[in-house]
Amino acid sequence: MSGLSGLQAQRGPCQLALLLSLLLGPSLVLAISFHLPVNSRKCLREEIHKDLLVTGAYEITDQSGGAGGLRTHLKITDSASHILYSKEDATKGKFAFTTEDYDMFEVCFESKGTGRIPDQLVILDMKHGVEAKNYEEIAKVEKLKPLEVELRRLEDLSESIVNDFAYMKKREEEMRDTNESTNTRVLYFSIFSMFCLIGLATWQVFYLRRFFKAKKLIE
């Protein structure tokens, strides 16, 4: 019984880690493939949180057989156009960088060549956050057991969830403050417009009264 209980205790964190991985997987991993025509440019954009490790692997299949001097350039930039990674004549490789702030990042592939050349097949696999960490390497360096590795992964996943909720709460507070500020400005503008209309109406009444008196239409 003790052996079975120990096995269940070991499986519990692993199953929970797997469940969290399935829940967070779509937001932490970007795996995509597409065709890139010659002399064209395609970009992928993704919002990534602050202080996160981002890793990626790409492979570009050239179906032209080297004809037309076909070359593909890869460039990764942030919203301020800072270059985080750049590769001329990219075919296959990996990249990694750490985000300094919450930002929109752009991965662009640009194909250049001459003549009628078949489209290139581009395969891009990007990971960030927990999924970008190499837990096998961490286990070797820190000499961790398989259960300890899963617990470390579970801890990182939990921390990622907490950070996501904290960010969502912060954004909700910012949106609420913006909404309240907008409502206050609309209220003040409405009051100002009302006083302007009242003043204009009063001026029209006095103006028309003086006009009619000048024309001796009223006493």
Protein backbone atom coordinates (compact mmCIF):
# COMPACT_ATOMS: atom_id res chain seq x y z
CA MET A 1 0.00 0.00 0.00
CA SER A 2 2.83 2.37 0.83
CA GLY A 3 4.38 1.77 -2.60
CA LEU A 4 1.05 2.46 -4.32
CA SER A 5 0.54 5.62 -2.27
CA GLY A 6 4.03 6.79 -3.18
CA LEU A 7 3.35 6.12 -6.86
CA GLN A 8 0.11 8.10 -6.68
CA ALA A 9 1.90 10.93 -4.91
CA GLN A 10 4.45 11.02 -7.70
CA ARG A 11 1.83 10.91 -10.42
CA GLY A 12 -0.25 13.68 -8.83
CA PRO A 13 2.14 16.59 -9.51
CA CYS A 14 3.00 15.19 -12.93
CA GLN A 15 -0.65 15.02 -13.94
CA LEU A 16 -1.29 18.52 -12.61
CA ALA A 17 1.75 19.83 -14.46
CA LEU A 18 0.51 18.17 -17.64
CA LEU A 19 -2.93 19.75 -17.16
CA LEU A 20 -1.41 23.19 -16.68
CA SER A 21 0.77 22.65 -19.74
CA LEU A 22 -2.30 21.85 -21.82
CA LEU A 23 -4.07 24.94 -20.51
CA LEU A 24 -1.14 27.28 -21.04
CA GLY A 25 0.35 25.60 -24.07
CA PRO A 26 -1.47 27.63 -26.77
CA SER A 27 -0.32 30.91 -25.22
CA LEU A 28 3.29 29.85 -24.65
CA VAL A 29 4.10 28.08 -27.92
CA LEU A 30 3.78 29.36 -31.48
CA ALA A 31 4.35 26.67 -34.10
CA ILE A 32 3.40 27.60 -37.64
CA SER A 33 4.29 26.83 -41.23
CA PHE A 34 3.50 28.83 -44.35
CA HIS A 35 4.60 29.33 -47.95
CA LEU A 36 6.68 32.38 -48.81
CA PRO A 37 6.52 33.53 -52.47
CA VAL A 38 9.60 35.05 -54.08
CA ASN A 39 10.08 38.81 -53.55
CA SER A 40 7.55 38.91 -50.76
CA ARG A 41 7.55 39.63 -47.04
CA LYS A 42 5.51 37.98 -44.31
CA CYS A 43 5.50 38.96 -40.64
CA LEU A 44 4.12 37.38 -37.49
CA ARG A 45 3.30 39.46 -34.43
CA GLU A 46 2.87 38.40 -30.83
CA GLU A 47 2.53 40.20 -27.50
CA ILE A 48 4.94 38.89 -24.86
CA HIS A 49 5.27 39.82 -21.19
CA LYS A 50 8.26 41.44 -19.55
CA ASP A 51 11.40 39.52 -18.50
CA LEU A 52 10.54 36.34 -20.40
CA LEU A 53 12.93 34.07 -22.23
CA VAL A 54 11.95 33.61 -25.87
CA THR A 55 13.46 30.82 -27.95
CA GLY A 56 12.74 29.74 -31.47
CA ALA A 57 13.77 27.46 -34.29
CA TYR A 58 13.17 28.02 -37.97
CA GLU A 59 13.68 26.06 -41.15
CA ILE A 60 13.25 27.34 -44.68
CA THR A 61 12.92 24.78 -47.45
CA ASP A 62 14.26 26.00 -50.76
CA GLN A 63 12.47 24.20 -53.60
CA SER A 64 14.18 26.19 -56.36
CA GLY A 65 17.40 24.18 -56.36
CA GLY A 66 19.43 27.36 -55.96
CA ALA A 67 17.99 28.97 -59.08
CA GLY A 68 17.41 32.70 -59.34
CA GLY A 69 19.77 33.58 -56.49
CA LEU A 70 16.94 33.06 -54.01
CA ARG A 71 17.71 34.30 -50.51
CA THR A 72 15.57 34.71 -47.42
CA HIS A 73 16.24 37.21 -44.65
CA LEU A 74 14.94 36.84 -41.09
CA LYS A 75 14.53 39.78 -38.72
CA ILE A 76 12.96 40.02 -35.25
CA THR A 77 12.10 43.47 -33.91
CA ASP A 78 10.05 45.08 -31.15
CA SER A 79 7.53 47.92 -31.46
CA ALA A 80 10.37 50.47 -31.38
CA SER A 81 12.06 48.76 -34.36
CA HIS A 82 14.97 47.55 -32.22
CA ILE A 83 16.54 44.52 -33.88
CA LEU A 84 16.60 41.54 -31.51
CA TYR A 85 17.76 38.99 -34.06
CA SER A 86 18.76 39.21 -37.70
CA LYS A 87 19.97 36.59 -40.16
CA GLU A 88 20.88 37.14 -43.79
CA ASP A 89 20.39 34.23 -46.17
CA ALA A 90 18.60 32.24 -43.46
CA THR A 91 17.98 28.55 -44.06
CA LYS A 92 17.87 26.81 -40.69
CA GLY A 93 18.77 27.88 -37.19
CA LYS A 94 17.75 28.91 -33.70
CA PHE A 95 17.45 32.19 -31.82
CA ALA A 96 16.91 33.33 -28.25
CA PHE A 97 16.41 36.62 -26.43
CA THR A 98 14.92 37.97 -23.21
CA THR A 99 12.20 40.61 -23.27
CA GLU A 100 12.89 43.84 -21.39
CA ASP A 101 9.29 45.03 -21.32
CA TYR A 102 5.78 43.98 -22.27
CA ASP A 103 5.71 44.63 -25.97
CA MET A 104 4.58 43.55 -29.41
CA PHE A 105 7.30 41.58 -31.18
CA GLU A 106 7.46 40.99 -34.91
CA VAL A 107 9.12 38.13 -36.77
CA CYS A 108 9.57 38.87 -40.46
CA PHE A 109 10.71 36.66 -43.34
CA GLU A 110 11.63 38.38 -46.61
CA SER A 111 12.37 36.51 -49.82
CA LYS A 112 14.43 37.97 -52.66
CA GLY A 113 15.17 36.40 -56.02
CA THR A 114 14.66 36.59 -59.77
CA GLY A 115 12.62 34.58 -62.22
CA ARG A 116 9.80 32.14 -61.66
CA ILE A 117 10.73 30.31 -58.47
CA PRO A 118 8.53 27.97 -56.41
CA ASP A 119 7.34 29.22 -53.03
CA GLN A 120 9.51 28.45 -50.03
CA LEU A 121 8.15 26.51 -47.09
CA VAL A 122 8.86 28.27 -43.79
CA ILE A 123 8.51 26.41 -40.49
CA LEU A 124 8.71 28.49 -37.30
CA ASP A 125 8.54 27.17 -33.75
CA MET A 126 8.61 29.83 -31.02
CA LYS A 127 8.42 29.29 -27.27
CA HIS A 128 8.46 31.72 -24.40
CA GLY A 129 8.18 31.64 -20.66
CA VAL A 130 8.08 28.22 -19.04
CA GLU A 131 8.06 26.35 -22.35
CA ALA A 132 11.31 28.02 -23.39
CA LYS A 133 13.24 26.64 -20.43
CA ASN A 134 15.37 23.54 -20.91
CA TYR A 135 14.45 21.50 -17.85
CA GLU A 136 16.66 18.61 -18.93
CA GLU A 137 19.69 20.90 -18.78
CA ILE A 138 18.50 22.32 -15.44
CA ALA A 139 18.18 18.78 -14.08
CA LYS A 140 21.73 17.94 -15.16
CA VAL A 141 23.22 21.11 -13.69
CA GLU A 142 21.34 20.95 -10.39
CA LYS A 143 21.26 17.12 -10.26
CA LEU A 144 17.50 16.96 -9.85
CA LYS A 145 15.39 13.83 -9.79
CA PRO A 146 12.52 13.42 -12.30
CA LEU A 147 9.93 14.27 -9.64
CA GLU A 148 11.90 17.35 -8.59
CA VAL A 149 12.07 18.46 -12.21
CA GLU A 150 8.30 18.13 -12.56
CA LEU A 151 7.83 20.05 -9.32
CA ARG A 152 10.13 22.78 -10.60
CA ARG A 153 8.16 22.91 -13.83
CA LEU A 154 4.90 22.99 -11.85
CA GLU A 155 6.24 25.83 -9.72
CA ASP A 156 7.20 27.83 -12.81
CA LEU A 157 3.80 27.20 -14.38
CA SER A 158 2.06 28.36 -11.21
CA GLU A 159 4.20 31.48 -11.11
CA SER A 160 3.38 32.15 -14.75
CA ILE A 161 -0.34 31.85 -14.03
CA VAL A 162 -0.06 34.21 -11.05
CA ASN A 163 1.84 36.75 -13.17
CA ASP A 164 -0.77 36.52 -15.92
CA PHE A 165 -3.60 37.13 -13.47
CA ALA A 166 -1.69 40.02 -11.90
CA TYR A 167 -1.18 41.57 -15.32
CA MET A 168 -4.84 41.09 -16.22
CA LYS A 169 -5.84 42.73 -12.93
CA LYS A 170 -3.51 45.65 -13.62
CA ARG A 171 -4.93 46.11 -17.12
CA GLU A 172 -8.46 45.94 -15.73
CA GLU A 173 -7.61 48.67 -13.19
CA GLU A 174 -6.07 50.82 -15.92
CA MET A 175 -9.11 50.38 -18.14
CA ARG A 176 -11.43 51.20 -15.23
CA ASP A 177 -9.44 54.35 -14.41
CA THR A 178 -9.53 55.36 -18.07
CA ASN A 179 -13.27 54.76 -18.20
CA GLU A 180 -13.87 56.79 -15.04
CA SER A 181 -11.64 59.61 -16.33
CA THR A 182 -13.52 59.63 -19.64
CA ASN A 183 -16.89 59.71 -17.88
CA THR A 184 -15.72 62.63 -15.71
CA ARG A 185 -14.53 64.56 -18.76
CA VAL A 186 -17.81 63.90 -20.56
CA LEU A 187 -19.74 65.12 -17.50
CA TYR A 188 -17.71 68.34 -17.28
CA PHE A 189 -18.07 68.91 -21.01
CA SER A 190 -21.84 68.38 -20.77
CA ILE A 191 -22.11 70.89 -17.92
CA PHE A 192 -19.97 73.39 -19.84
CA SER A 193 -22.10 72.91 -22.97
CA MET A 194 -25.28 73.41 -20.93
CA PHE A 195 -24.02 76.71 -19.48
CA CYS A 196 -22.94 77.80 -22.96
CA LEU A 197 -26.42 77.07 -24.33
CA ILE A 198 -28.10 78.86 -21.41
CA GLY A 199 -25.82 81.89 -21.92
CA LEU A 200 -26.48 81.90 -25.67
CA ALA A 201 -30.22 81.65 -25.13
CA THR A 202 -30.13 84.50 -22.60
CA TRP A 203 -28.11 86.68 -24.98
CA GLN A 204 -30.56 85.98 -27.81
CA VAL A 205 -33.50 86.99 -25.62
CA PHE A 206 -31.90 90.31 -24.65
CA TYR A 207 -30.72 90.94 -28.20
CA LEU A 208 -34.16 90.32 -29.69
CA ARG A 209 -35.78 92.46 -27.02
CA ARG A 210 -33.50 95.39 -27.82
CA PHE A 211 -34.07 94.84 -31.54
CA PHE A 212 -37.84 94.84 -31.20
CA LYS A 213 -37.68 97.93 -28.96
CA ALA A 214 -35.53 99.68 -31.53
CA LYS A 215 -38.10 98.86 -34.19
CA LYS A 216 -40.82 100.01 -31.79
CA LEU A 217 -42.56 96.66 -32.06
CA ILE A 218 -42.74 96.32 -28.28
CA GLU A 219 -42.69 98.84 -25.45
